[in-house]
PDB file of all heavy atoms in Angstrom:
ATOM      1  N   TYR A   1      -5.718 -28.905 -17.425  1.00  0.00           N
ATOM      2  CA  TYR A   1      -5.710 -27.939 -16.335  1.00  0.00           C
ATOM      3  C   TYR A   1      -6.994 -27.948 -15.503  1.00  0.00           C
ATOM      4  O   TYR A   1      -7.076 -27.241 -14.505  1.00  0.00           O
ATOM      5  CB  TYR A   1      -5.446 -26.532 -16.878  1.00  0.00           C
ATOM      6  CG  TYR A   1      -4.000 -26.320 -17.276  1.00  0.00           C
ATOM      7  CD1 TYR A   1      -3.606 -26.454 -18.599  1.00  0.00           C
ATOM      8  CD2 TYR A   1      -3.039 -26.015 -16.324  1.00  0.00           C
ATOM      9  CE1 TYR A   1      -2.281 -26.275 -18.975  1.00  0.00           C
ATOM     10  CE2 TYR A   1      -1.707 -25.837 -16.685  1.00  0.00           C
ATOM     11  CZ  TYR A   1      -1.340 -25.973 -18.008  1.00  0.00           C
ATOM     12  OH  TYR A   1      -0.027 -25.808 -18.370  1.00  0.00           O
ATOM     13  N   LEU A   2      -7.997 -28.707 -15.894  1.00  0.00           N
ATOM     14  CA  LEU A   2      -9.159 -28.866 -15.027  1.00  0.00           C
ATOM     15  C   LEU A   2      -8.721 -29.516 -13.719  1.00  0.00           C
ATOM     16  O   LEU A   2      -7.964 -30.496 -13.727  1.00  0.00           O
ATOM     17  CB  LEU A   2     -10.213 -29.745 -15.693  1.00  0.00           C
ATOM     18  CG  LEU A   2     -11.142 -29.111 -16.721  1.00  0.00           C
ATOM     19  CD1 LEU A   2     -12.025 -30.194 -17.335  1.00  0.00           C
ATOM     20  CD2 LEU A   2     -11.998 -28.030 -16.091  1.00  0.00           C
ATOM     21  N   VAL A   3      -9.212 -29.023 -12.601  1.00  0.00           N
ATOM     22  CA  VAL A   3      -8.852 -29.619 -11.314  1.00  0.00           C
ATOM     23  C   VAL A   3      -9.234 -31.099 -11.278  1.00  0.00           C
ATOM     24  O   VAL A   3      -8.487 -31.936 -10.761  1.00  0.00           O
ATOM     25  CB  VAL A   3      -9.514 -28.852 -10.153  1.00  0.00           C
ATOM     26  CG1 VAL A   3      -9.402 -29.625  -8.839  1.00  0.00           C
ATOM     27  CG2 VAL A   3      -8.887 -27.473  -9.999  1.00  0.00           C
ATOM     28  N   GLU A   4     -10.383 -31.440 -11.863  1.00  0.00           N
ATOM     29  CA  GLU A   4     -10.806 -32.841 -11.892  1.00  0.00           C
ATOM     30  C   GLU A   4      -9.792 -33.709 -12.626  1.00  0.00           C
ATOM     31  O   GLU A   4      -9.560 -34.869 -12.245  1.00  0.00           O
ATOM     32  CB  GLU A   4     -12.182 -32.965 -12.546  1.00  0.00           C
ATOM     33  CG  GLU A   4     -13.339 -32.465 -11.705  1.00  0.00           C
ATOM     34  CD  GLU A   4     -13.451 -30.949 -11.655  1.00  0.00           C
ATOM     35  OE1 GLU A   4     -12.736 -30.263 -12.432  1.00  0.00           O
ATOM     36  OE2 GLU A   4     -14.238 -30.436 -10.844  1.00  0.00           O
ATOM     37  N   ASN A   5      -9.163 -33.164 -13.673  1.00  0.00           N
ATOM     38  CA  ASN A   5      -8.182 -33.942 -14.418  1.00  0.00           C
ATOM     39  C   ASN A   5      -6.855 -34.054 -13.673  1.00  0.00           C
ATOM     40  O   ASN A   5      -6.114 -35.025 -13.856  1.00  0.00           O
ATOM     41  CB  ASN A   5      -7.982 -33.347 -15.808  1.00  0.00           C
ATOM     42  CG  ASN A   5      -9.186 -33.583 -16.700  1.00  0.00           C
ATOM     43  OD1 ASN A   5     -10.010 -34.452 -16.420  1.00  0.00           O
ATOM     44  ND2 ASN A   5      -9.313 -32.808 -17.761  1.00  0.00           N
ATOM     45  N   VAL A   6      -6.552 -33.072 -12.838  1.00  0.00           N
ATOM     46  CA  VAL A   6      -5.385 -33.195 -11.969  1.00  0.00           C
ATOM     47  C   VAL A   6      -5.618 -34.313 -10.955  1.00  0.00           C
ATOM     48  O   VAL A   6      -4.722 -35.124 -10.675  1.00  0.00           O
ATOM     49  CB  VAL A   6      -5.089 -31.860 -11.262  1.00  0.00           C
ATOM     50  CG1 VAL A   6      -3.922 -32.020 -10.281  1.00  0.00           C
ATOM     51  CG2 VAL A   6      -4.773 -30.770 -12.280  1.00  0.00           C
ATOM     52  N   PHE A   7      -6.828 -34.378 -10.410  1.00  0.00           N
ATOM     53  CA  PHE A   7      -7.174 -35.501  -9.531  1.00  0.00           C
ATOM     54  C   PHE A   7      -7.032 -36.830 -10.276  1.00  0.00           C
ATOM     55  O   PHE A   7      -6.530 -37.810  -9.721  1.00  0.00           O
ATOM     56  CB  PHE A   7      -8.602 -35.348  -9.006  1.00  0.00           C
ATOM     57  CG  PHE A   7      -8.727 -34.531  -7.757  1.00  0.00           C
ATOM     58  CD1 PHE A   7      -9.405 -33.322  -7.764  1.00  0.00           C
ATOM     59  CD2 PHE A   7      -8.202 -34.981  -6.558  1.00  0.00           C
ATOM     60  CE1 PHE A   7      -9.527 -32.572  -6.606  1.00  0.00           C
ATOM     61  CE2 PHE A   7      -8.322 -34.242  -5.394  1.00  0.00           C
ATOM     62  CZ  PHE A   7      -8.985 -33.023  -5.415  1.00  0.00           C
ATOM     63  N   ASP A   8      -7.477 -36.876 -11.541  1.00  0.00           N
ATOM     64  CA  ASP A   8      -7.365 -38.113 -12.321  1.00  0.00           C
ATOM     65  C   ASP A   8      -5.908 -38.514 -12.507  1.00  0.00           C
ATOM     66  O   ASP A   8      -5.563 -39.705 -12.449  1.00  0.00           O
ATOM     67  CB  ASP A   8      -8.037 -37.944 -13.682  1.00  0.00           C
ATOM     68  CG  ASP A   8      -9.556 -37.904 -13.596  1.00  0.00           C
ATOM     69  OD1 ASP A   8     -10.101 -38.293 -12.542  1.00  0.00           O
ATOM     70  OD2 ASP A   8     -10.189 -37.482 -14.576  1.00  0.00           O
ATOM     71  N   LEU A   9      -5.043 -37.543 -12.761  1.00  0.00           N
ATOM     72  CA  LEU A   9      -3.613 -37.811 -12.911  1.00  0.00           C
ATOM     73  C   LEU A   9      -3.054 -38.441 -11.646  1.00  0.00           C
ATOM     74  O   LEU A   9      -2.297 -39.427 -11.696  1.00  0.00           O
ATOM     75  CB  LEU A   9      -2.883 -36.504 -13.230  1.00  0.00           C
ATOM     76  CG  LEU A   9      -1.361 -36.573 -13.329  1.00  0.00           C
ATOM     77  CD1 LEU A   9      -0.943 -37.359 -14.568  1.00  0.00           C
ATOM     78  CD2 LEU A   9      -0.762 -35.164 -13.349  1.00  0.00           C
ATOM     79  N   LEU A  10      -3.427 -37.888 -10.495  1.00  0.00           N
ATOM     80  CA  LEU A  10      -2.955 -38.416  -9.222  1.00  0.00           C
ATOM     81  C   LEU A  10      -3.523 -39.796  -8.949  1.00  0.00           C
ATOM     82  O   LEU A  10      -2.804 -40.706  -8.510  1.00  0.00           O
ATOM     83  CB  LEU A  10      -3.335 -37.439  -8.103  1.00  0.00           C
ATOM     84  CG  LEU A  10      -3.044 -37.877  -6.667  1.00  0.00           C
ATOM     85  CD1 LEU A  10      -1.586 -38.286  -6.487  1.00  0.00           C
ATOM     86  CD2 LEU A  10      -3.413 -36.747  -5.701  1.00  0.00           C
ATOM     87  N   GLN A  11      -4.806 -39.977  -9.218  1.00  0.00           N
ATOM     88  CA  GLN A  11      -5.424 -41.282  -8.988  1.00  0.00           C
ATOM     89  C   GLN A  11      -4.762 -42.363  -9.841  1.00  0.00           C
ATOM     90  O   GLN A  11      -4.534 -43.492  -9.377  1.00  0.00           O
ATOM     91  CB  GLN A  11      -6.920 -41.211  -9.282  1.00  0.00           C
ATOM     92  CG  GLN A  11      -7.670 -42.486  -8.920  1.00  0.00           C
ATOM     93  CD  GLN A  11      -9.161 -42.320  -9.067  1.00  0.00           C
ATOM     94  OE1 GLN A  11      -9.649 -41.674  -9.994  1.00  0.00           O
ATOM     95  NE2 GLN A  11      -9.918 -42.886  -8.139  1.00  0.00           N
ATOM     96  N   ASP A  12      -4.435 -42.028 -11.084  1.00  0.00           N
ATOM     97  CA  ASP A  12      -3.773 -42.990 -11.956  1.00  0.00           C
ATOM     98  C   ASP A  12      -2.394 -43.357 -11.413  1.00  0.00           C
ATOM     99  O   ASP A  12      -1.984 -44.525 -11.464  1.00  0.00           O
ATOM    100  CB  ASP A  12      -3.654 -42.409 -13.363  1.00  0.00           C
ATOM    101  CG  ASP A  12      -3.006 -43.363 -14.339  1.00  0.00           C
ATOM    102  OD1 ASP A  12      -3.596 -44.435 -14.602  1.00  0.00           O
ATOM    103  OD2 ASP A  12      -1.900 -43.060 -14.822  1.00  0.00           O
ATOM    104  N   ALA A  13      -1.675 -42.377 -10.869  1.00  0.00           N
ATOM    105  CA  ALA A  13      -0.350 -42.652 -10.311  1.00  0.00           C
ATOM    106  C   ALA A  13      -0.445 -43.579  -9.102  1.00  0.00           C
ATOM    107  O   ALA A  13       0.389 -44.471  -8.918  1.00  0.00           O
ATOM    108  CB  ALA A  13       0.327 -41.342  -9.921  1.00  0.00           C
ATOM    109  N   ILE A  14      -1.466 -43.362  -8.280  1.00  0.00           N
ATOM    110  CA  ILE A  14      -1.666 -44.241  -7.122  1.00  0.00           C
ATOM    111  C   ILE A  14      -1.996 -45.652  -7.584  1.00  0.00           C
ATOM    112  O   ILE A  14      -1.450 -46.642  -7.074  1.00  0.00           O
ATOM    113  CB  ILE A  14      -2.775 -43.676  -6.216  1.00  0.00           C
ATOM    114  CG1 ILE A  14      -2.345 -42.333  -5.614  1.00  0.00           C
ATOM    115  CG2 ILE A  14      -3.120 -44.671  -5.104  1.00  0.00           C
ATOM    116  CD1 ILE A  14      -3.457 -41.608  -4.868  1.00  0.00           C
ATOM    117  N   ALA A  15      -2.891 -45.764  -8.572  1.00  0.00           N
ATOM    118  CA  ALA A  15      -3.290 -47.082  -9.075  1.00  0.00           C
ATOM    119  C   ALA A  15      -2.111 -47.807  -9.719  1.00  0.00           C
ATOM    120  O   ALA A  15      -2.006 -49.046  -9.619  1.00  0.00           O
ATOM    121  CB  ALA A  15      -4.429 -46.929 -10.079  1.00  0.00           C
ATOM    122  N   ARG A  16      -1.206 -47.064 -10.357  1.00  0.00           N
ATOM    123  CA  ARG A  16      -0.046 -47.675 -11.021  1.00  0.00           C
ATOM    124  C   ARG A  16       1.141 -47.833 -10.091  1.00  0.00           C
ATOM    125  O   ARG A  16       2.203 -48.288 -10.504  1.00  0.00           O
ATOM    126  CB  ARG A  16       0.334 -46.831 -12.241  1.00  0.00           C
ATOM    127  CG  ARG A  16      -0.708 -46.866 -13.353  1.00  0.00           C
ATOM    128  CD  ARG A  16      -0.444 -45.813 -14.409  1.00  0.00           C
ATOM    129  NE  ARG A  16       0.875 -45.956 -15.025  1.00  0.00           N
ATOM    130  CZ  ARG A  16       1.386 -45.071 -15.884  1.00  0.00           C
ATOM    131  NH1 ARG A  16       0.675 -43.992 -16.214  1.00  0.00           N
ATOM    132  NH2 ARG A  16       2.582 -45.251 -16.407  1.00  0.00           N
ATOM    133  N   ASN A  17       0.963 -47.446  -8.826  1.00  0.00           N
ATOM    134  CA  ASN A  17       2.013 -47.613  -7.806  1.00  0.00           C
ATOM    135  C   ASN A  17       3.305 -46.924  -8.235  1.00  0.00           C
ATOM    136  O   ASN A  17       4.389 -47.527  -8.252  1.00  0.00           O
ATOM    137  CB  ASN A  17       2.263 -49.098  -7.530  1.00  0.00           C
ATOM    138  CG  ASN A  17       3.008 -49.322  -6.224  1.00  0.00           C
ATOM    139  OD1 ASN A  17       2.942 -48.508  -5.305  1.00  0.00           O
ATOM    140  ND2 ASN A  17       3.743 -50.416  -6.134  1.00  0.00           N
ATOM    141  N   ALA A  18       3.201 -45.657  -8.581  1.00  0.00           N
ATOM    142  CA  ALA A  18       4.372 -44.876  -8.976  1.00  0.00           C
ATOM    143  C   ALA A  18       5.420 -44.895  -7.866  1.00  0.00           C
ATOM    144  O   ALA A  18       5.095 -44.959  -6.679  1.00  0.00           O
ATOM    145  CB  ALA A  18       3.952 -43.438  -9.278  1.00  0.00           C
ATOM    146  N   ASP A  19       6.695 -44.830  -8.247  1.00  0.00           N
ATOM    147  CA  ASP A  19       7.776 -44.918  -7.260  1.00  0.00           C
ATOM    148  C   ASP A  19       7.738 -43.778  -6.260  1.00  0.00           C
ATOM    149  O   ASP A  19       8.076 -43.959  -5.085  1.00  0.00           O
ATOM    150  CB  ASP A  19       9.136 -44.916  -7.976  1.00  0.00           C
ATOM    151  CG  ASP A  19       9.466 -46.271  -8.583  1.00  0.00           C
ATOM    152  OD1 ASP A  19       8.678 -47.216  -8.390  1.00  0.00           O
ATOM    153  OD2 ASP A  19      10.509 -46.392  -9.253  1.00  0.00           O
ATOM    154  N   ARG A  20       7.352 -42.593  -6.704  1.00  0.00           N
ATOM    155  CA  ARG A  20       7.283 -41.452  -5.785  1.00  0.00           C
ATOM    156  C   ARG A  20       6.060 -40.614  -6.108  1.00  0.00           C
ATOM    157  O   ARG A  20       5.823 -40.263  -7.264  1.00  0.00           O
ATOM    158  CB  ARG A  20       8.538 -40.592  -5.883  1.00  0.00           C
ATOM    159  CG  ARG A  20       8.502 -39.358  -4.952  1.00  0.00           C
ATOM    160  CD  ARG A  20       9.785 -38.552  -5.059  1.00  0.00           C
ATOM    161  NE  ARG A  20       9.983 -38.027  -6.407  1.00  0.00           N
ATOM    162  CZ  ARG A  20      11.117 -37.461  -6.825  1.00  0.00           C
ATOM    163  NH1 ARG A  20      12.148 -37.394  -6.023  1.00  0.00           N
ATOM    164  NH2 ARG A  20      11.202 -36.983  -8.063  1.00  0.00           N
ATOM    165  N   ILE A  21       5.306 -40.291  -5.078  1.00  0.00           N
ATOM    166  CA  ILE A  21       4.163 -39.391  -5.212  1.00  0.00           C
ATOM    167  C   ILE A  21       4.238 -38.402  -4.056  1.00  0.00           C
ATOM    168  O   ILE A  21       4.168 -38.789  -2.888  1.00  0.00           O
ATOM    169  CB  ILE A  21       2.820 -40.135  -5.176  1.00  0.00           C
ATOM    170  CG1 ILE A  21       2.715 -41.137  -6.324  1.00  0.00           C
ATOM    171  CG2 ILE A  21       1.654 -39.142  -5.235  1.00  0.00           C
ATOM    172  CD1 ILE A  21       1.463 -41.989  -6.286  1.00  0.00           C
ATOM    173  N   SER A  22       4.393 -37.145  -4.376  1.00  0.00           N
ATOM    174  CA  SER A  22       4.411 -36.084  -3.370  1.00  0.00           C
ATOM    175  C   SER A  22       3.292 -35.111  -3.695  1.00  0.00           C
ATOM    176  O   SER A  22       3.233 -34.567  -4.804  1.00  0.00           O
ATOM    177  CB  SER A  22       5.764 -35.355  -3.390  1.00  0.00           C
ATOM    178  OG  SER A  22       5.760 -34.268  -2.485  1.00  0.00           O
ATOM    179  N   VAL A  23       2.394 -34.909  -2.738  1.00  0.00           N
ATOM    180  CA  VAL A  23       1.240 -34.048  -2.995  1.00  0.00           C
ATOM    181  C   VAL A  23       0.898 -33.248  -1.752  1.00  0.00           C
ATOM    182  O   VAL A  23       0.958 -33.751  -0.627  1.00  0.00           O
ATOM    183  CB  VAL A  23       0.018 -34.886  -3.459  1.00  0.00           C
ATOM    184  CG1 VAL A  23      -0.356 -35.955  -2.450  1.00  0.00           C
ATOM    185  CG2 VAL A  23      -1.175 -33.995  -3.771  1.00  0.00           C
ATOM    186  N   ASP A  24       0.577 -31.986  -1.959  1.00  0.00           N
ATOM    187  CA  ASP A  24       0.072 -31.110  -0.908  1.00  0.00           C
ATOM    188  C   ASP A  24      -1.309 -30.619  -1.341  1.00  0.00           C
ATOM    189  O   ASP A  24      -1.455 -30.061  -2.432  1.00  0.00           O
ATOM    190  CB  ASP A  24       0.992 -29.902  -0.689  1.00  0.00           C
ATOM    191  CG  ASP A  24       2.351 -30.310  -0.146  1.00  0.00           C
ATOM    192  OD1 ASP A  24       2.402 -31.032   0.855  1.00  0.00           O
ATOM    193  OD2 ASP A  24       3.368 -29.901  -0.745  1.00  0.00           O
ATOM    194  N   TYR A  25      -2.287 -30.829  -0.464  1.00  0.00           N
ATOM    195  CA  TYR A  25      -3.661 -30.439  -0.770  1.00  0.00           C
ATOM    196  C   TYR A  25      -4.004 -29.107  -0.111  1.00  0.00           C
ATOM    197  O   TYR A  25      -3.482 -28.780   0.974  1.00  0.00           O
ATOM    198  CB  TYR A  25      -4.640 -31.497  -0.252  1.00  0.00           C
ATOM    199  CG  TYR A  25      -4.508 -32.863  -0.878  1.00  0.00           C
ATOM    200  CD1 TYR A  25      -3.786 -33.872  -0.253  1.00  0.00           C
ATOM    201  CD2 TYR A  25      -5.109 -33.163  -2.095  1.00  0.00           C
ATOM    202  CE1 TYR A  25      -3.668 -35.134  -0.810  1.00  0.00           C
ATOM    203  CE2 TYR A  25      -5.010 -34.418  -2.664  1.00  0.00           C
ATOM    204  CZ  TYR A  25      -4.279 -35.402  -2.012  1.00  0.00           C
ATOM    205  OH  TYR A  25      -4.172 -36.650  -2.565  1.00  0.00           O
ATOM    206  N   HIS A  26      -4.882 -28.364  -0.747  1.00  0.00           N
ATOM    207  CA  HIS A  26      -5.421 -27.158  -0.120  1.00  0.00           C
ATOM    208  C   HIS A  26      -6.209 -27.565   1.113  1.00  0.00           C
ATOM    209  O   HIS A  26      -7.049 -28.474   1.060  1.00  0.00           O
ATOM    210  CB  HIS A  26      -6.315 -26.403  -1.101  1.00  0.00           C
ATOM    211  CG  HIS A  26      -6.753 -25.059  -0.606  1.00  0.00           C
ATOM    212  ND1 HIS A  26      -7.847 -24.895   0.206  1.00  0.00           N
ATOM    213  CD2 HIS A  26      -6.235 -23.819  -0.820  1.00  0.00           C
ATOM    214  CE1 HIS A  26      -8.001 -23.608   0.476  1.00  0.00           C
ATOM    215  NE2 HIS A  26      -7.039 -22.935  -0.138  1.00  0.00           N
ATOM    216  N   GLU A  27      -5.939 -26.924   2.231  1.00  0.00           N
ATOM    217  CA  GLU A  27      -6.488 -27.360   3.507  1.00  0.00           C
ATOM    218  C   GLU A  27      -8.009 -27.370   3.526  1.00  0.00           C
ATOM    219  O   GLU A  27      -8.628 -28.286   4.074  1.00  0.00           O
ATOM    220  CB  GLU A  27      -5.967 -26.467   4.638  1.00  0.00           C
ATOM    221  CG  GLU A  27      -6.420 -26.897   6.023  1.00  0.00           C
ATOM    222  CD  GLU A  27      -5.820 -26.046   7.120  1.00  0.00           C
ATOM    223  OE1 GLU A  27      -5.046 -25.107   6.809  1.00  0.00           O
ATOM    224  OE2 GLU A  27      -6.127 -26.313   8.300  1.00  0.00           O
ATOM    225  N   ARG A  28      -8.634 -26.377   2.936  1.00  0.00           N
ATOM    226  CA  ARG A  28     -10.095 -26.288   2.995  1.00  0.00           C
ATOM    227  C   ARG A  28     -10.757 -26.874   1.748  1.00  0.00           C
ATOM    228  O   ARG A  28     -11.694 -27.658   1.849  1.00  0.00           O
ATOM    229  CB  ARG A  28     -10.527 -24.822   3.152  1.00  0.00           C
ATOM    230  CG  ARG A  28     -12.041 -24.641   3.301  1.00  0.00           C
ATOM    231  CD  ARG A  28     -12.413 -23.183   3.345  1.00  0.00           C
ATOM    232  NE  ARG A  28     -12.083 -22.485   2.120  1.00  0.00           N
ATOM    233  CZ  ARG A  28     -12.858 -22.476   1.024  1.00  0.00           C
ATOM    234  NH1 ARG A  28     -13.997 -23.143   1.012  1.00  0.00           N
ATOM    235  NH2 ARG A  28     -12.487 -21.816  -0.056  1.00  0.00           N
ATOM    236  N   ALA A  29     -10.238 -26.531   0.569  1.00  0.00           N
ATOM    237  CA  ALA A  29     -10.913 -26.914  -0.674  1.00  0.00           C
ATOM    238  C   ALA A  29     -10.497 -28.293  -1.178  1.00  0.00           C
ATOM    239  O   ALA A  29     -11.196 -28.881  -1.997  1.00  0.00           O
ATOM    240  CB  ALA A  29     -10.660 -25.871  -1.764  1.00  0.00           C
ATOM    241  N   GLY A  30      -9.364 -28.812  -0.730  1.00  0.00           N
ATOM    242  CA  GLY A  30      -9.001 -30.183  -1.039  1.00  0.00           C
ATOM    243  C   GLY A  30      -8.261 -30.416  -2.346  1.00  0.00           C
ATOM    244  O   GLY A  30      -7.720 -31.504  -2.539  1.00  0.00           O
ATOM    245  N   TYR A  31      -8.204 -29.432  -3.254  1.00  0.00           N
ATOM    246  CA  TYR A  31      -7.548 -29.680  -4.539  1.00  0.00           C
ATOM    247  C   TYR A  31      -6.020 -29.767  -4.342  1.00  0.00           C
ATOM    248  O   TYR A  31      -5.465 -29.187  -3.403  1.00  0.00           O
ATOM    249  CB  TYR A  31      -7.899 -28.597  -5.551  1.00  0.00           C
ATOM    250  CG  TYR A  31      -7.461 -27.197  -5.172  1.00  0.00           C
ATOM    251  CD1 TYR A  31      -6.168 -26.758  -5.465  1.00  0.00           C
ATOM    252  CD2 TYR A  31      -8.330 -26.321  -4.526  1.00  0.00           C
ATOM    253  CE1 TYR A  31      -5.752 -25.487  -5.118  1.00  0.00           C
ATOM    254  CE2 TYR A  31      -7.922 -25.047  -4.169  1.00  0.00           C
ATOM    255  CZ  TYR A  31      -6.634 -24.634  -4.467  1.00  0.00           C
ATOM    256  OH  TYR A  31      -6.219 -23.374  -4.105  1.00  0.00           O
ATOM    257  N   PRO A  32      -5.302 -30.489  -5.226  1.00  0.00           N
ATOM    258  CA  PRO A  32      -3.846 -30.578  -5.096  1.00  0.00           C
ATOM    259  C   PRO A  32      -3.177 -29.247  -5.444  1.00  0.00           C
ATOM    260  O   PRO A  32      -3.257 -28.788  -6.590  1.00  0.00           O
ATOM    261  CB  PRO A  32      -3.460 -31.664  -6.113  1.00  0.00           C
ATOM    262  CG  PRO A  32      -4.736 -32.405  -6.403  1.00  0.00           C
ATOM    263  CD  PRO A  32      -5.827 -31.377  -6.271  1.00  0.00           C
ATOM    264  N   GLU A  33      -2.536 -28.634  -4.461  1.00  0.00           N
ATOM    265  CA  GLU A  33      -1.823 -27.384  -4.736  1.00  0.00           C
ATOM    266  C   GLU A  33      -0.493 -27.662  -5.421  1.00  0.00           C
ATOM    267  O   GLU A  33      -0.104 -26.941  -6.348  1.00  0.00           O
ATOM    268  CB  GLU A  33      -1.595 -26.617  -3.433  1.00  0.00           C
ATOM    269  CG  GLU A  33      -2.858 -26.034  -2.831  1.00  0.00           C
ATOM    270  CD  GLU A  33      -2.552 -25.150  -1.647  1.00  0.00           C
ATOM    271  OE1 GLU A  33      -2.023 -25.665  -0.649  1.00  0.00           O
ATOM    272  OE2 GLU A  33      -2.872 -23.943  -1.709  1.00  0.00           O
ATOM    273  N   THR A  34       0.229 -28.669  -4.962  1.00  0.00           N
ATOM    274  CA  THR A  34       1.456 -29.103  -5.624  1.00  0.00           C
ATOM    275  C   THR A  34       1.427 -30.620  -5.747  1.00  0.00           C
ATOM    276  O   THR A  34       0.964 -31.318  -4.831  1.00  0.00           O
ATOM    277  CB  THR A  34       2.719 -28.669  -4.855  1.00  0.00           C
ATOM    278  OG1 THR A  34       2.696 -29.237  -3.545  1.00  0.00           O
ATOM    279  CG2 THR A  34       2.787 -27.155  -4.757  1.00  0.00           C
ATOM    280  N   LEU A  35       1.916 -31.113  -6.857  1.00  0.00           N
ATOM    281  CA  LEU A  35       1.906 -32.553  -7.124  1.00  0.00           C
ATOM    282  C   LEU A  35       3.149 -32.903  -7.924  1.00  0.00           C
ATOM    283  O   LEU A  35       3.463 -32.248  -8.911  1.00  0.00           O
ATOM    284  CB  LEU A  35       0.652 -32.928  -7.923  1.00  0.00           C
ATOM    285  CG  LEU A  35       0.574 -34.348  -8.488  1.00  0.00           C
ATOM    286  CD1 LEU A  35       0.572 -35.375  -7.375  1.00  0.00           C
ATOM    287  CD2 LEU A  35      -0.671 -34.501  -9.371  1.00  0.00           C
ATOM    288  N   LEU A  36       3.865 -33.939  -7.476  1.00  0.00           N
ATOM    289  CA  LEU A  36       5.025 -34.418  -8.203  1.00  0.00           C
ATOM    290  C   LEU A  36       4.993 -35.941  -8.206  1.00  0.00           C
ATOM    291  O   LEU A  36       4.909 -36.572  -7.150  1.00  0.00           O
ATOM    292  CB  LEU A  36       6.326 -33.924  -7.581  1.00  0.00           C
ATOM    293  CG  LEU A  36       7.603 -34.235  -8.371  1.00  0.00           C
ATOM    294  CD1 LEU A  36       7.581 -33.512  -9.716  1.00  0.00           C
ATOM    295  CD2 LEU A  36       8.843 -33.848  -7.581  1.00  0.00           C
ATOM    296  N   ILE A  37       5.046 -36.513  -9.402  1.00  0.00           N
ATOM    297  CA  ILE A  37       4.963 -37.958  -9.584  1.00  0.00           C
ATOM    298  C   ILE A  37       6.189 -38.425 -10.355  1.00  0.00           C
ATOM    299  O   ILE A  37       6.548 -37.837 -11.385  1.00  0.00           O
ATOM    300  CB  ILE A  37       3.698 -38.339 -10.389  1.00  0.00           C
ATOM    301  CG1 ILE A  37       2.429 -37.874  -9.666  1.00  0.00           C
ATOM    302  CG2 ILE A  37       3.650 -39.844 -10.638  1.00  0.00           C
ATOM    303  CD1 ILE A  37       1.205 -37.873 -10.560  1.00  0.00           C
ATOM    304  N   THR A  38       6.853 -39.468  -9.854  1.00  0.00           N
ATOM    305  CA  THR A  38       7.935 -40.116 -10.593  1.00  0.00           C
ATOM    306  C   THR A  38       7.613 -41.596 -10.689  1.00  0.00           C
ATOM    307  O   THR A  38       7.488 -42.276  -9.665  1.00  0.00           O
ATOM    308  CB  THR A  38       9.299 -39.912  -9.908  1.00  0.00           C
ATOM    309  OG1 THR A  38       9.573 -38.517  -9.815  1.00  0.00           O
ATOM    310  CG2 THR A  38      10.409 -40.574 -10.719  1.00  0.00           C
ATOM    311  N   TYR A  39       7.508 -42.084 -11.897  1.00  0.00           N
ATOM    312  CA  TYR A  39       7.140 -43.485 -12.080  1.00  0.00           C
ATOM    313  C   TYR A  39       8.339 -44.423 -11.949  1.00  0.00           C
ATOM    314  O   TYR A  39       8.169 -45.584 -11.589  1.00  0.00           O
ATOM    315  CB  TYR A  39       6.466 -43.674 -13.440  1.00  0.00           C
ATOM    316  CG  TYR A  39       5.054 -43.142 -13.462  1.00  0.00           C
ATOM    317  CD1 TYR A  39       4.772 -41.866 -13.933  1.00  0.00           C
ATOM    318  CD2 TYR A  39       4.001 -43.906 -12.972  1.00  0.00           C
ATOM    319  CE1 TYR A  39       3.469 -41.369 -13.926  1.00  0.00           C
ATOM    320  CE2 TYR A  39       2.699 -43.426 -12.961  1.00  0.00           C
ATOM    321  CZ  TYR A  39       2.440 -42.156 -13.447  1.00  0.00           C
ATOM    322  OH  TYR A  39       1.154 -41.668 -13.428  1.00  0.00           O
ATOM    323  N   ASP A  40       9.554 -43.942 -12.212  1.00  0.00           N
ATOM    324  CA  ASP A  40      10.746 -44.784 -12.128  1.00  0.00           C
ATOM    325  C   ASP A  40      11.876 -43.957 -11.506  1.00  0.00           C
ATOM    326  O   ASP A  40      12.489 -43.127 -12.166  1.00  0.00           O
ATOM    327  CB  ASP A  40      11.149 -45.289 -13.514  1.00  0.00           C
ATOM    328  CG  ASP A  40      12.248 -46.345 -13.466  1.00  0.00           C
ATOM    329  OD1 ASP A  40      12.974 -46.404 -12.453  1.00  0.00           O
ATOM    330  OD2 ASP A  40      12.368 -47.118 -14.432  1.00  0.00           O
ATOM    331  N   LEU A  41      12.155 -44.198 -10.222  1.00  0.00           N
ATOM    332  CA  LEU A  41      13.181 -43.421  -9.531  1.00  0.00           C
ATOM    333  C   LEU A  41      14.586 -43.754 -10.011  1.00  0.00           C
ATOM    334  O   LEU A  41      15.491 -42.925  -9.934  1.00  0.00           O
ATOM    335  CB  LEU A  41      13.092 -43.683  -8.021  1.00  0.00           C
ATOM    336  CG  LEU A  41      11.992 -42.925  -7.269  1.00  0.00           C
ATOM    337  CD1 LEU A  41      11.930 -43.395  -5.823  1.00  0.00           C
ATOM    338  CD2 LEU A  41      12.233 -41.425  -7.326  1.00  0.00           C
ATOM    339  N   ILE A  42      14.807 -44.966 -10.509  1.00  0.00           N
ATOM    340  CA  ILE A  42      16.143 -45.365 -10.944  1.00  0.00           C
ATOM    341  C   ILE A  42      16.575 -44.551 -12.154  1.00  0.00           C
ATOM    342  O   ILE A  42      17.692 -44.021 -12.220  1.00  0.00           O
ATOM    343  CB  ILE A  42      16.179 -46.872 -11.260  1.00  0.00           C
ATOM    344  CG1 ILE A  42      15.914 -47.681  -9.982  1.00  0.00           C
ATOM    345  CG2 ILE A  42      17.531 -47.258 -11.868  1.00  0.00           C
ATOM    346  CD1 ILE A  42      15.857 -49.177 -10.208  1.00  0.00           C
TER     347      ILE A  42
END
């Protein structure tokens, strides 16, 4: 639940080229407000 670890989760998904990554960031503070990752859409 650390914000830094949420960033790590997202960074790993980007590096692994997950099939779907949907993220909304807080406009001012930058942290991910909502994040959804799917590694295999099939």
